Amino acid sequence: MEHVELFVQLPGIATLDDAAAVLGKALGIRNFEERESSNYIENRYFAAKKDQRQYELSYTDYEEADRFPFHIWIELEKKAPPGTALLTAMDAWVKSKLLAIGAKAALVVNYGRPDMQRIDY
């Protein structure tokens, strides 16, 4: 399974709860389920599944956290194209879902690896 990561800023949104509500509406997710885990900032995150994708939304500890306070990890359940092809396929999705609500984002494939690729919006 492939995954991508999004680092996101939502205009006027500062809390994880509000981010879950806004992103849920934009992505067509009826309910993000709040979960607890010591692996996340504030020991919690939100999870959802839709259209053969699993989503996890949390605060970010990314080096640009002041610019992108939210992190969305997306796992694609069906076979996805690798590397650049995956980035290209997800680019259109980001434009139609996130940019449409005024979000600023960085889409990342292979985060933290030497072959990491990133698109800034």
PDB file of N, CA and C in Angstrom:
ATOM      1  N   MET A   1       0.832  -1.175   0.000  1.00  0.00           N
ATOM      2  CA  MET A   1       0.000   0.000   0.000  1.00  0.00           C
ATOM      3  C   MET A   1       0.879   1.242   0.000  1.00  0.00           C
ATOM      4  N   GLU A   2       0.434   2.217  -0.703  1.00  0.00           N
ATOM      5  CA  GLU A   2       1.140   3.493  -0.776  1.00  0.00           C
ATOM      6  C   GLU A   2       0.473   4.499   0.143  1.00  0.00           C
ATOM      7  N   HIS A   3       1.231   5.490   0.526  1.00  0.00           N
ATOM      8  CA  HIS A   3       0.630   6.578   1.295  1.00  0.00           C
ATOM      9  C   HIS A   3       1.263   7.901   0.893  1.00  0.00           C
ATOM     10  N   VAL A   4       0.528   8.969   1.167  1.00  0.00           N
ATOM     11  CA  VAL A   4       1.022  10.322   0.971  1.00  0.00           C
ATOM     12  C   VAL A   4       0.781  11.077   2.266  1.00  0.00           C
ATOM     13  N   GLU A   5       1.480  12.179   2.396  1.00  0.00           N
ATOM     14  CA  GLU A   5       1.305  13.016   3.563  1.00  0.00           C
ATOM     15  C   GLU A   5       1.026  14.433   3.112  1.00  0.00           C
ATOM     16  N   LEU A   6       0.118  15.058   3.803  1.00  0.00           N
ATOM     17  CA  LEU A   6      -0.222  16.450   3.547  1.00  0.00           C
ATOM     18  C   LEU A   6       0.014  17.252   4.812  1.00  0.00           C
ATOM     19  N   PHE A   7       0.665  18.374   4.655  1.00  0.00           N
ATOM     20  CA  PHE A   7       0.833  19.324   5.737  1.00  0.00           C
ATOM     21  C   PHE A   7      -0.026  20.515   5.346  1.00  0.00           C
ATOM     22  N   VAL A   8      -0.958  20.896   6.222  1.00  0.00           N
ATOM     23  CA  VAL A   8      -2.042  21.793   5.819  1.00  0.00           C
ATOM     24  C   VAL A   8      -2.224  22.957   6.786  1.00  0.00           C
ATOM     25  N   GLN A   9      -2.578  24.094   6.210  1.00  0.00           N
ATOM     26  CA  GLN A   9      -3.050  25.260   6.964  1.00  0.00           C
ATOM     27  C   GLN A   9      -4.455  25.566   6.461  1.00  0.00           C
ATOM     28  N   LEU A  10      -5.371  25.728   7.383  1.00  0.00           N
ATOM     29  CA  LEU A  10      -6.762  26.053   7.048  1.00  0.00           C
ATOM     30  C   LEU A  10      -7.049  27.452   7.560  1.00  0.00           C
ATOM     31  N   PRO A  11      -7.505  28.355   6.705  1.00  0.00           N
ATOM     32  CA  PRO A  11      -7.734  29.729   7.148  1.00  0.00           C
ATOM     33  C   PRO A  11      -8.749  29.822   8.287  1.00  0.00           C
ATOM     34  N   GLY A  12      -8.347  30.494   9.364  1.00  0.00           N
ATOM     35  CA  GLY A  12      -9.239  30.698  10.497  1.00  0.00           C
ATOM     36  C   GLY A  12      -9.423  29.494  11.398  1.00  0.00           C
ATOM     37  N   ILE A  13      -8.710  28.403  11.149  1.00  0.00           N
ATOM     38  CA  ILE A  13      -8.863  27.175  11.937  1.00  0.00           C
ATOM     39  C   ILE A  13      -7.598  26.935  12.748  1.00  0.00           C
ATOM     40  N   ALA A  14      -7.759  26.835  14.076  1.00  0.00           N
ATOM     41  CA  ALA A  14      -6.603  26.642  14.948  1.00  0.00           C
ATOM     42  C   ALA A  14      -6.642  25.334  15.734  1.00  0.00           C
ATOM     43  N   THR A  15      -7.841  24.738  15.880  1.00  0.00           N
ATOM     44  CA  THR A  15      -7.930  23.531  16.703  1.00  0.00           C
ATOM     45  C   THR A  15      -8.098  22.286  15.839  1.00  0.00           C
ATOM     46  N   LEU A  16      -7.669  21.182  16.392  1.00  0.00           N
ATOM     47  CA  LEU A  16      -7.786  19.905  15.690  1.00  0.00           C
ATOM     48  C   LEU A  16      -9.248  19.529  15.483  1.00  0.00           C
ATOM     49  N   ASP A  17     -10.092  19.822  16.459  1.00  0.00           N
ATOM     50  CA  ASP A  17     -11.528  19.515  16.332  1.00  0.00           C
ATOM     51  C   ASP A  17     -12.151  20.281  15.168  1.00  0.00           C
ATOM     52  N   ASP A  18     -11.821  21.568  15.061  1.00  0.00           N
ATOM     53  CA  ASP A  18     -12.353  22.372  13.967  1.00  0.00           C
ATOM     54  C   ASP A  18     -11.791  21.918  12.625  1.00  0.00           C
ATOM     55  N   ALA A  19     -10.520  21.553  12.612  1.00  0.00           N
ATOM     56  CA  ALA A  19      -9.911  21.048  11.376  1.00  0.00           C
ATOM     57  C   ALA A  19     -10.612  19.776  10.916  1.00  0.00           C
ATOM     58  N   ALA A  20     -10.938  18.881  11.855  1.00  0.00           N
ATOM     59  CA  ALA A  20     -11.644  17.641  11.501  1.00  0.00           C
ATOM     60  C   ALA A  20     -13.015  17.949  10.901  1.00  0.00           C
ATOM     61  N   ALA A  21     -13.696  18.937  11.455  1.00  0.00           N
ATOM     62  CA  ALA A  21     -15.021  19.293  10.934  1.00  0.00           C
ATOM     63  C   ALA A  21     -14.922  19.877   9.529  1.00  0.00           C
ATOM     64  N   VAL A  22     -13.994  20.796   9.325  1.00  0.00           N
ATOM     65  CA  VAL A  22     -13.836  21.443   8.014  1.00  0.00           C
ATOM     66  C   VAL A  22     -13.338  20.453   6.965  1.00  0.00           C
ATOM     67  N   LEU A  23     -12.332  19.675   7.313  1.00  0.00           N
ATOM     68  CA  LEU A  23     -11.791  18.706   6.354  1.00  0.00           C
ATOM     69  C   LEU A  23     -12.782  17.583   6.077  1.00  0.00           C
ATOM     70  N   GLY A  24     -13.500  17.158   7.104  1.00  0.00           N
ATOM     71  CA  GLY A  24     -14.509  16.128   6.899  1.00  0.00           C
ATOM     72  C   GLY A  24     -15.536  16.567   5.868  1.00  0.00           C
ATOM     73  N   LYS A  25     -15.990  17.793   5.983  1.00  0.00           N
ATOM     74  CA  LYS A  25     -16.960  18.314   5.022  1.00  0.00           C
ATOM     75  C   LYS A  25     -16.352  18.404   3.622  1.00  0.00           C
ATOM     76  N   ALA A  26     -15.139  18.916   3.523  1.00  0.00           N
ATOM     77  CA  ALA A  26     -14.481  19.076   2.223  1.00  0.00           C
ATOM     78  C   ALA A  26     -14.196  17.736   1.545  1.00  0.00           C
ATOM     79  N   LEU A  27     -13.895  16.718   2.342  1.00  0.00           N
ATOM     80  CA  LEU A  27     -13.552  15.410   1.795  1.00  0.00           C
ATOM     81  C   LEU A  27     -14.749  14.466   1.706  1.00  0.00           C
ATOM     82  N   GLY A  28     -15.892  14.922   2.182  1.00  0.00           N
ATOM     83  CA  GLY A  28     -17.081  14.068   2.155  1.00  0.00           C
ATOM     84  C   GLY A  28     -17.055  12.972   3.201  1.00  0.00           C
ATOM     85  N   ILE A  29     -16.336  13.204   4.280  1.00  0.00           N
ATOM     86  CA  ILE A  29     -16.248  12.236   5.375  1.00  0.00           C
ATOM     87  C   ILE A  29     -17.253  12.647   6.444  1.00  0.00           C
ATOM     88  N   ARG A  30     -18.210  11.788   6.714  1.00  0.00           N
ATOM     89  CA  ARG A  30     -19.262  12.140   7.668  1.00  0.00           C
ATOM     90  C   ARG A  30     -18.747  12.220   9.096  1.00  0.00           C
ATOM     91  N   ASN A  31     -17.900  11.290   9.469  1.00  0.00           N
ATOM     92  CA  ASN A  31     -17.414  11.272  10.847  1.00  0.00           C
ATOM     93  C   ASN A  31     -15.944  10.905  10.910  1.00  0.00           C
ATOM     94  N   PHE A  32     -15.167  11.859  11.345  1.00  0.00           N
ATOM     95  CA  PHE A  32     -13.803  11.533  11.752  1.00  0.00           C
ATOM     96  C   PHE A  32     -13.929  10.996  13.172  1.00  0.00           C
ATOM     97  N   GLU A  33     -13.339   9.867  13.441  1.00  0.00           N
ATOM     98  CA  GLU A  33     -13.384   9.269  14.773  1.00  0.00           C
ATOM     99  C   GLU A  33     -12.181   9.747  15.567  1.00  0.00           C
ATOM    100  N   GLU A  34     -12.428  10.342  16.714  1.00  0.00           N
ATOM    101  CA  GLU A  34     -11.318  10.780  17.559  1.00  0.00           C
ATOM    102  C   GLU A  34     -10.724   9.573  18.271  1.00  0.00           C
ATOM    103  N   ARG A  35      -9.399   9.487  18.242  1.00  0.00           N
ATOM    104  CA  ARG A  35      -8.695   8.373  18.882  1.00  0.00           C
ATOM    105  C   ARG A  35      -7.589   8.917  19.770  1.00  0.00           C
ATOM    106  N   GLU A  36      -7.201   8.109  20.741  1.00  0.00           N
ATOM    107  CA  GLU A  36      -6.130   8.487  21.650  1.00  0.00           C
ATOM    108  C   GLU A  36      -4.874   7.687  21.340  1.00  0.00           C
ATOM    109  N   SER A  37      -3.737   8.367  21.413  1.00  0.00           N
ATOM    110  CA  SER A  37      -2.449   7.702  21.242  1.00  0.00           C
ATOM    111  C   SER A  37      -1.347   8.639  21.720  1.00  0.00           C
ATOM    112  N   SER A  38      -0.438   8.103  22.482  1.00  0.00           N
ATOM    113  CA  SER A  38       0.672   8.917  22.980  1.00  0.00           C
ATOM    114  C   SER A  38       1.671   9.266  21.874  1.00  0.00           C
ATOM    115  N   ASN A  39       1.466   8.732  20.690  1.00  0.00           N
ATOM    116  CA  ASN A  39       2.349   9.029  19.556  1.00  0.00           C
ATOM    117  C   ASN A  39       2.025  10.368  18.895  1.00  0.00           C
ATOM    118  N   TYR A  40       0.959  11.027  19.340  1.00  0.00           N
ATOM    119  CA  TYR A  40       0.501  12.256  18.699  1.00  0.00           C
ATOM    120  C   TYR A  40       0.534  13.422  19.678  1.00  0.00           C
ATOM    121  N   ILE A  41       0.676  14.629  19.139  1.00  0.00           N
ATOM    122  CA  ILE A  41       0.592  15.840  19.943  1.00  0.00           C
ATOM    123  C   ILE A  41      -0.793  15.865  20.590  1.00  0.00           C
ATOM    124  N   GLU A  42      -0.854  16.255  21.841  1.00  0.00           N
ATOM    125  CA  GLU A  42      -2.077  16.227  22.657  1.00  0.00           C
ATOM    126  C   GLU A  42      -2.628  14.813  22.850  1.00  0.00           C
ATOM    127  N   ASN A  43      -1.856  13.799  22.477  1.00  0.00           N
ATOM    128  CA  ASN A  43      -2.230  12.389  22.658  1.00  0.00           C
ATOM    129  C   ASN A  43      -3.514  12.005  21.948  1.00  0.00           C
ATOM    130  N   ARG A  44      -3.788  12.656  20.821  1.00  0.00           N
ATOM    131  CA  ARG A  44      -4.999  12.314  20.078  1.00  0.00           C
ATOM    132  C   ARG A  44      -4.851  12.664  18.613  1.00  0.00           C
ATOM    133  N   TYR A  45      -5.718  12.016  17.827  1.00  0.00           N
ATOM    134  CA  TYR A  45      -5.805  12.261  16.392  1.00  0.00           C
ATOM    135  C   TYR A  45      -7.196  11.849  15.939  1.00  0.00           C
ATOM    136  N   PHE A  46      -7.509  12.132  14.685  1.00  0.00           N
ATOM    137  CA  PHE A  46      -8.784  11.733  14.113  1.00  0.00           C
ATOM    138  C   PHE A  46      -8.517  10.760  12.969  1.00  0.00           C
ATOM    139  N   ALA A  47      -9.368   9.761  12.811  1.00  0.00           N
ATOM    140  CA  ALA A  47      -9.210   8.767  11.758  1.00  0.00           C
ATOM    141  C   ALA A  47     -10.537   8.576  11.020  1.00  0.00           C
ATOM    142  N   ALA A  48     -10.417   8.242   9.747  1.00  0.00           N
ATOM    143  CA  ALA A  48     -11.603   7.977   8.927  1.00  0.00           C
ATOM    144  C   ALA A  48     -11.208   7.110   7.740  1.00  0.00           C
ATOM    145  N   LYS A  49     -12.215   6.523   7.121  1.00  0.00           N
ATOM    146  CA  LYS A  49     -12.007   5.726   5.920  1.00  0.00           C
ATOM    147  C   LYS A  49     -13.073   6.118   4.905  1.00  0.00           C
ATOM    148  N   LYS A  50     -12.630   6.344   3.653  1.00  0.00           N
ATOM    149  CA  LYS A  50     -13.574   6.678   2.586  1.00  0.00           C
ATOM    150  C   LYS A  50     -12.903   6.404   1.246  1.00  0.00           C
ATOM    151  N   ASP A  51     -13.676   5.862   0.326  1.00  0.00           N
ATOM    152  CA  ASP A  51     -13.198   5.634  -1.046  1.00  0.00           C
ATOM    153  C   ASP A  51     -11.845   4.921  -1.106  1.00  0.00           C
ATOM    154  N   GLN A  52     -11.722   3.840  -0.386  1.00  0.00           N
ATOM    155  CA  GLN A  52     -10.513   3.019  -0.356  1.00  0.00           C
ATOM    156  C   GLN A  52      -9.276   3.805   0.070  1.00  0.00           C
ATOM    157  N   ARG A  53      -9.499   4.784   0.929  1.00  0.00           N
ATOM    158  CA  ARG A  53      -8.408   5.558   1.524  1.00  0.00           C
ATOM    159  C   ARG A  53      -8.643   5.639   3.025  1.00  0.00           C
ATOM    160  N   GLN A  54      -7.560   5.524   3.768  1.00  0.00           N
ATOM    161  CA  GLN A  54      -7.620   5.731   5.208  1.00  0.00           C
ATOM    162  C   GLN A  54      -6.943   7.056   5.517  1.00  0.00           C
ATOM    163  N   TYR A  55      -7.575   7.841   6.378  1.00  0.00           N
ATOM    164  CA  TYR A  55      -7.081   9.167   6.723  1.00  0.00           C
ATOM    165  C   TYR A  55      -6.762   9.225   8.208  1.00  0.00           C
ATOM    166  N   GLU A  56      -5.678   9.891   8.529  1.00  0.00           N
ATOM    167  CA  GLU A  56      -5.368  10.239   9.911  1.00  0.00           C
ATOM    168  C   GLU A  56      -5.037  11.718   9.930  1.00  0.00           C
ATOM    169  N   LEU A  57      -5.715  12.448  10.786  1.00  0.00           N
ATOM    170  CA  LEU A  57      -5.522  13.887  10.928  1.00  0.00           C
ATOM    171  C   LEU A  57      -4.988  14.165  12.324  1.00  0.00           C
ATOM    172  N   SER A  58      -3.917  14.932  12.393  1.00  0.00           N
ATOM    173  CA  SER A  58      -3.329  15.284  13.685  1.00  0.00           C
ATOM    174  C   SER A  58      -2.659  16.644  13.585  1.00  0.00           C
ATOM    175  N   TYR A  59      -2.255  17.149  14.750  1.00  0.00           N
ATOM    176  CA  TYR A  59      -1.362  18.302  14.725  1.00  0.00           C
ATOM    177  C   TYR A  59      -0.030  17.808  14.191  1.00  0.00           C
ATOM    178  N   THR A  60       0.717  18.699  13.586  1.00  0.00           N
ATOM    179  CA  THR A  60       1.991  18.283  13.020  1.00  0.00           C
ATOM    180  C   THR A  60       3.167  18.636  13.919  1.00  0.00           C
ATOM    181  N   ASP A  61       4.185  17.819  13.861  1.00  0.00           N
ATOM    182  CA  ASP A  61       5.463  18.162  14.480  1.00  0.00           C
ATOM    183  C   ASP A  61       6.506  18.421  13.382  1.00  0.00           C
ATOM    184  N   TYR A  62       5.987  18.644  12.192  1.00  0.00           N
ATOM    185  CA  TYR A  62       6.796  18.947  11.018  1.00  0.00           C
ATOM    186  C   TYR A  62       7.593  20.221  11.267  1.00  0.00           C
ATOM    187  N   GLU A  63       8.760  20.314  10.665  1.00  0.00           N
ATOM    188  CA  GLU A  63       9.628  21.474  10.880  1.00  0.00           C
ATOM    189  C   GLU A  63       8.974  22.798  10.493  1.00  0.00           C
ATOM    190  N   GLU A  64       7.962  22.767   9.663  1.00  0.00           N
ATOM    191  CA  GLU A  64       7.240  23.971   9.277  1.00  0.00           C
ATOM    192  C   GLU A  64       5.872  24.030   9.961  1.00  0.00           C
ATOM    193  N   ALA A  65       5.803  23.600  11.211  1.00  0.00           N
ATOM    194  CA  ALA A  65       4.526  23.534  11.931  1.00  0.00           C
ATOM    195  C   ALA A  65       3.857  24.898  12.057  1.00  0.00           C
ATOM    196  N   ASP A  66       4.638  25.959  12.111  1.00  0.00           N
ATOM    197  CA  ASP A  66       4.022  27.286  12.195  1.00  0.00           C
ATOM    198  C   ASP A  66       3.294  27.637  10.902  1.00  0.00           C
ATOM    199  N   ARG A  67       3.762  27.087   9.797  1.00  0.00           N
ATOM    200  CA  ARG A  67       3.136  27.329   8.492  1.00  0.00           C
ATOM    201  C   ARG A  67       2.038  26.311   8.197  1.00  0.00           C
ATOM    202  N   PHE A  68       2.263  25.067   8.582  1.00  0.00           N
ATOM    203  CA  PHE A  68       1.326  23.967   8.330  1.00  0.00           C
ATOM    204  C   PHE A  68       1.034  23.244   9.650  1.00  0.00           C
ATOM    205  N   PRO A  69       0.039  23.709  10.429  1.00  0.00           N
ATOM    206  CA  PRO A  69      -0.198  23.115  11.749  1.00  0.00           C
ATOM    207  C   PRO A  69      -0.856  21.732  11.752  1.00  0.00           C
ATOM    208  N   PHE A  70      -1.433  21.320  10.618  1.00  0.00           N
ATOM    209  CA  PHE A  70      -2.131  20.038  10.585  1.00  0.00           C
ATOM    210  C   PHE A  70      -1.454  19.062   9.627  1.00  0.00           C
ATOM    211  N   HIS A  71      -1.494  17.805  10.008  1.00  0.00           N
ATOM    212  CA  HIS A  71      -0.895  16.725   9.230  1.00  0.00           C
ATOM    213  C   HIS A  71      -1.985  15.732   8.857  1.00  0.00           C
ATOM    214  N   ILE A  72      -2.081  15.416   7.578  1.00  0.00           N
ATOM    215  CA  ILE A  72      -3.027  14.393   7.116  1.00  0.00           C
ATOM    216  C   ILE A  72      -2.215  13.279   6.467  1.00  0.00           C
ATOM    217  N   TRP A  73      -2.314  12.114   7.032  1.00  0.00           N
ATOM    218  CA  TRP A  73      -1.661  10.924   6.485  1.00  0.00           C
ATOM    219  C   TRP A  73      -2.737  10.144   5.748  1.00  0.00           C
ATOM    220  N   ILE A  74      -2.495   9.828   4.496  1.00  0.00           N
ATOM    221  CA  ILE A  74      -3.496   9.133   3.675  1.00  0.00           C
ATOM    222  C   ILE A  74      -2.891   7.847   3.145  1.00  0.00           C
ATOM    223  N   GLU A  75      -3.513   6.731   3.493  1.00  0.00           N
ATOM    224  CA  GLU A  75      -3.089   5.438   2.970  1.00  0.00           C
ATOM    225  C   GLU A  75      -4.084   5.016   1.899  1.00  0.00           C
ATOM    226  N   LEU A  76      -3.554   4.656   0.745  1.00  0.00           N
ATOM    227  CA  LEU A  76      -4.376   4.226  -0.377  1.00  0.00           C
ATOM    228  C   LEU A  76      -4.437   2.705  -0.345  1.00  0.00           C
ATOM    229  N   GLU A  77      -5.629   2.158  -0.213  1.00  0.00           N
ATOM    230  CA  GLU A  77      -5.773   0.717  -0.029  1.00  0.00           C
ATOM    231  C   GLU A  77      -5.561  -0.086  -1.301  1.00  0.00           C
ATOM    232  N   LYS A  78      -5.917   0.489  -2.434  1.00  0.00           N
ATOM    233  CA  LYS A  78      -5.676  -0.257  -3.664  1.00  0.00           C
ATOM    234  C   LYS A  78      -4.328   0.161  -4.240  1.00  0.00           C
ATOM    235  N   LYS A  79      -3.822  -0.616  -5.138  1.00  0.00           N
ATOM    236  CA  LYS A  79      -2.505  -0.362  -5.715  1.00  0.00           C
ATOM    237  C   LYS A  79      -2.445   1.034  -6.310  1.00  0.00           C
ATOM    238  N   ALA A  80      -1.491   1.781  -5.863  1.00  0.00           N
ATOM    239  CA  ALA A  80      -1.303   3.147  -6.342  1.00  0.00           C
ATOM    240  C   ALA A  80      -0.024   3.213  -7.170  1.00  0.00           C
ATOM    241  N   PRO A  81       0.044   4.161  -8.080  1.00  0.00           N
ATOM    242  CA  PRO A  81       1.281   4.311  -8.839  1.00  0.00           C
ATOM    243  C   PRO A  81       2.401   4.762  -7.910  1.00  0.00           C
ATOM    244  N   PRO A  82       3.627   4.384  -8.179  1.00  0.00           N
ATOM    245  CA  PRO A  82       4.740   4.752  -7.301  1.00  0.00           C
ATOM    246  C   PRO A  82       5.235   6.176  -7.558  1.00  0.00           C
ATOM    247  N   GLY A  83       5.905   6.736  -6.547  1.00  0.00           N
ATOM    248  CA  GLY A  83       6.658   7.975  -6.658  1.00  0.00           C
ATOM    249  C   GLY A  83       5.991   9.127  -7.372  1.00  0.00           C
ATOM    250  N   THR A  84       6.606   9.552  -8.465  1.00  0.00           N
ATOM    251  CA  THR A  84       6.139  10.717  -9.213  1.00  0.00           C
ATOM    252  C   THR A  84       4.724  10.532  -9.726  1.00  0.00           C
ATOM    253  N   ALA A  85       4.366   9.350 -10.173  1.00  0.00           N
ATOM    254  CA  ALA A  85       3.018   9.101 -10.675  1.00  0.00           C
ATOM    255  C   ALA A  85       1.980   9.264  -9.557  1.00  0.00           C
ATOM    256  N   LEU A  86       2.325   8.825  -8.351  1.00  0.00           N
ATOM    257  CA  LEU A  86       1.428   8.987  -7.212  1.00  0.00           C
ATOM    258  C   LEU A  86       1.283  10.469  -6.878  1.00  0.00           C
ATOM    259  N   LEU A  87       2.367  11.194  -6.895  1.00  0.00           N
ATOM    260  CA  LEU A  87       2.336  12.626  -6.623  1.00  0.00           C
ATOM    261  C   LEU A  87       1.445  13.347  -7.635  1.00  0.00           C
ATOM    262  N   THR A  88       1.576  12.993  -8.891  1.00  0.00           N
ATOM    263  CA  THR A  88       0.765  13.599  -9.953  1.00  0.00           C
ATOM    264  C   THR A  88      -0.711  13.272  -9.768  1.00  0.00           C
ATOM    265  N   ALA A  89      -1.014  12.024  -9.442  1.00  0.00           N
ATOM    266  CA  ALA A  89      -2.411  11.611  -9.244  1.00  0.00           C
ATOM    267  C   ALA A  89      -3.032  12.342  -8.055  1.00  0.00           C
ATOM    268  N   MET A  90      -2.300  12.504  -6.981  1.00  0.00           N
ATOM    269  CA  MET A  90      -2.829  13.164  -5.792  1.00  0.00           C
ATOM    270  C   MET A  90      -2.891  14.678  -5.961  1.00  0.00           C
ATOM    271  N   ASP A  91      -2.095  15.228  -6.863  1.00  0.00           N
ATOM    272  CA  ASP A  91      -2.077  16.672  -7.110  1.00  0.00           C
ATOM    273  C   ASP A  91      -3.470  17.176  -7.498  1.00  0.00           C
ATOM    274  N   ALA A  92      -4.115  16.502  -8.415  1.00  0.00           N
ATOM    275  CA  ALA A  92      -5.462  16.910  -8.846  1.00  0.00           C
ATOM    276  C   ALA A  92      -6.456  16.805  -7.699  1.00  0.00           C
ATOM    277  N   TRP A  93      -6.318  15.790  -6.874  1.00  0.00           N
ATOM    278  CA  TRP A  93      -7.199  15.597  -5.729  1.00  0.00           C
ATOM    279  C   TRP A  93      -7.035  16.753  -4.738  1.00  0.00           C
ATOM    280  N   VAL A  94      -5.797  17.128  -4.435  1.00  0.00           N
ATOM    281  CA  VAL A  94      -5.546  18.241  -3.512  1.00  0.00           C
ATOM    282  C   VAL A  94      -6.164  19.521  -4.056  1.00  0.00           C
ATOM    283  N   LYS A  95      -5.982  19.762  -5.342  1.00  0.00           N
ATOM    284  CA  LYS A  95      -6.525  20.979  -5.954  1.00  0.00           C
ATOM    285  C   LYS A  95      -8.048  21.004  -5.865  1.00  0.00           C
ATOM    286  N   SER A  96      -8.689  19.887  -6.098  1.00  0.00           N
ATOM    287  CA  SER A  96     -10.158  19.880  -6.101  1.00  0.00           C
ATOM    288  C   SER A  96     -10.757  19.871  -4.701  1.00  0.00           C
ATOM    289  N   LYS A  97     -10.069  19.308  -3.726  1.00  0.00           N
ATOM    290  CA  LYS A  97     -10.633  19.175  -2.377  1.00  0.00           C
ATOM    291  C   LYS A  97     -10.141  20.252  -1.407  1.00  0.00           C
ATOM    292  N   LEU A  98      -8.843  20.473  -1.365  1.00  0.00           N
ATOM    293  CA  LEU A  98      -8.295  21.355  -0.336  1.00  0.00           C
ATOM    294  C   LEU A  98      -8.159  22.802  -0.788  1.00  0.00           C
ATOM    295  N   LEU A  99      -7.673  23.014  -1.978  1.00  0.00           N
ATOM    296  CA  LEU A  99      -7.525  24.387  -2.448  1.00  0.00           C
ATOM    297  C   LEU A  99      -8.890  25.039  -2.614  1.00  0.00           C
ATOM    298  N   ALA A 100      -9.889  24.228  -2.884  1.00  0.00           N
ATOM    299  CA  ALA A 100     -11.253  24.736  -3.048  1.00  0.00           C
ATOM    300  C   ALA A 100     -11.789  25.363  -1.756  1.00  0.00           C
ATOM    301  N   ILE A 101     -11.248  24.984  -0.602  1.00  0.00           N
ATOM    302  CA  ILE A 101     -11.692  25.564   0.666  1.00  0.00           C
ATOM    303  C   ILE A 101     -10.690  26.590   1.205  1.00  0.00           C
ATOM    304  N   GLY A 102      -9.735  26.970   0.386  1.00  0.00           N
ATOM    305  CA  GLY A 102      -8.774  27.997   0.775  1.00  0.00           C
ATOM    306  C   GLY A 102      -7.583  27.504   1.563  1.00  0.00           C
ATOM    307  N   ALA A 103      -7.379  26.204   1.596  1.00  0.00           N
ATOM    308  CA  ALA A 103      -6.249  25.643   2.346  1.00  0.00           C
ATOM    309  C   ALA A 103      -4.934  25.930   1.637  1.00  0.00           C
ATOM    310  N   LYS A 104      -3.888  26.008   2.434  1.00  0.00           N
ATOM    311  CA  LYS A 104      -2.519  26.006   1.918  1.00  0.00           C
ATOM    312  C   LYS A 104      -1.952  24.666   2.333  1.00  0.00           C
ATOM    313  N   ALA A 105      -1.160  24.062   1.462  1.00  0.00           N
ATOM    314  CA  ALA A 105      -0.712  22.710   1.760  1.00  0.00           C
ATOM    315  C   ALA A 105       0.624  22.387   1.112  1.00  0.00           C
ATOM    316  N   ALA A 106       1.242  21.353   1.651  1.00  0.00           N
ATOM    317  CA  ALA A 106       2.406  20.722   1.044  1.00  0.00           C
ATOM    318  C   ALA A 106       2.069  19.240   0.933  1.00  0.00           C
ATOM    319  N   LEU A 107       2.094  18.717  -0.279  1.00  0.00           N
ATOM    320  CA  LEU A 107       1.835  17.302  -0.553  1.00  0.00           C
ATOM    321  C   LEU A 107       3.179  16.614  -0.654  1.00  0.00           C
ATOM    322  N   VAL A 108       3.382  15.556   0.124  1.00  0.00           N
ATOM    323  CA  VAL A 108       4.682  14.901   0.185  1.00  0.00           C
ATOM    324  C   VAL A 108       4.540  13.397  -0.036  1.00  0.00           C
ATOM    325  N   VAL A 109       5.387  12.870  -0.893  1.00  0.00           N
ATOM    326  CA  VAL A 109       5.517  11.431  -1.104  1.00  0.00           C
ATOM    327  C   VAL A 109       6.914  11.043  -0.642  1.00  0.00           C
ATOM    328  N   ASN A 110       7.030   9.934   0.037  1.00  0.00           N
ATOM    329  CA  ASN A 110       8.309   9.424   0.548  1.00  0.00           C
ATOM    330  C   ASN A 110       8.933  10.387   1.557  1.00  0.00           C
ATOM    331  N   TYR A 111       8.108  10.874   2.476  1.00  0.00           N
ATOM    332  CA  TYR A 111       8.554  11.831   3.484  1.00  0.00           C
ATOM    333  C   TYR A 111       9.752  11.302   4.274  1.00  0.00           C
ATOM    334  N   GLY A 112      10.764  12.138   4.401  1.00  0.00           N
ATOM    335  CA  GLY A 112      11.942  11.799   5.187  1.00  0.00           C
ATOM    336  C   GLY A 112      12.936  10.891   4.500  1.00  0.00           C
ATOM    337  N   ARG A 113      12.672  10.506   3.269  1.00  0.00           N
ATOM    338  CA  ARG A 113      13.588   9.623   2.539  1.00  0.00           C
ATOM    339  C   ARG A 113      14.363  10.444   1.511  1.00  0.00           C
ATOM    340  N   PRO A 114      15.485   9.920   1.035  1.00  0.00           N
ATOM    341  CA  PRO A 114      16.264  10.655   0.032  1.00  0.00           C
ATOM    342  C   PRO A 114      15.486  10.932  -1.257  1.00  0.00           C
ATOM    343  N   ASP A 115      14.510  10.078  -1.586  1.00  0.00           N
ATOM    344  CA  ASP A 115      13.731  10.270  -2.812  1.00  0.00           C
ATOM    345  C   ASP A 115      12.418  11.021  -2.559  1.00  0.00           C
ATOM    346  N   MET A 116      12.365  11.775  -1.454  1.00  0.00           N
ATOM    347  CA  MET A 116      11.171  12.539  -1.110  1.00  0.00           C
ATOM    348  C   MET A 116      10.831  13.529  -2.219  1.00  0.00           C
ATOM    349  N   GLN A 117       9.521  13.636  -2.499  1.00  0.00           N
ATOM    350  CA  GLN A 117       9.026  14.605  -3.479  1.00  0.00           C
ATOM    351  C   GLN A 117       7.945  15.430  -2.819  1.00  0.00           C
ATOM    352  N   ARG A 118       7.873  16.717  -3.194  1.00  0.00           N
ATOM    353  CA  ARG A 118       6.951  17.618  -2.535  1.00  0.00           C
ATOM    354  C   ARG A 118       6.397  18.636  -3.537  1.00  0.00           C
ATOM    355  N   ILE A 119       5.101  18.935  -3.383  1.00  0.00           N
ATOM    356  CA  ILE A 119       4.467  20.017  -4.127  1.00  0.00           C
ATOM    357  C   ILE A 119       3.872  20.970  -3.099  1.00  0.00           C
ATOM    358  N   ASP A 120       4.172  22.253  -3.228  1.00  0.00           N
ATOM    359  CA  ASP A 120       3.593  23.280  -2.348  1.00  0.00           C
ATOM    360  C   ASP A 120       2.447  23.974  -3.069  1.00  0.00           C
ATOM    361  N   TYR A 121       1.400  24.278  -2.318  1.00  0.00           N
ATOM    362  CA  TYR A 121       0.224  24.955  -2.863  1.00  0.00           C
ATOM    363  C   TYR A 121       0.015  26.259  -2.112  1.00  0.00           C
TER     364      TYR A 121
END
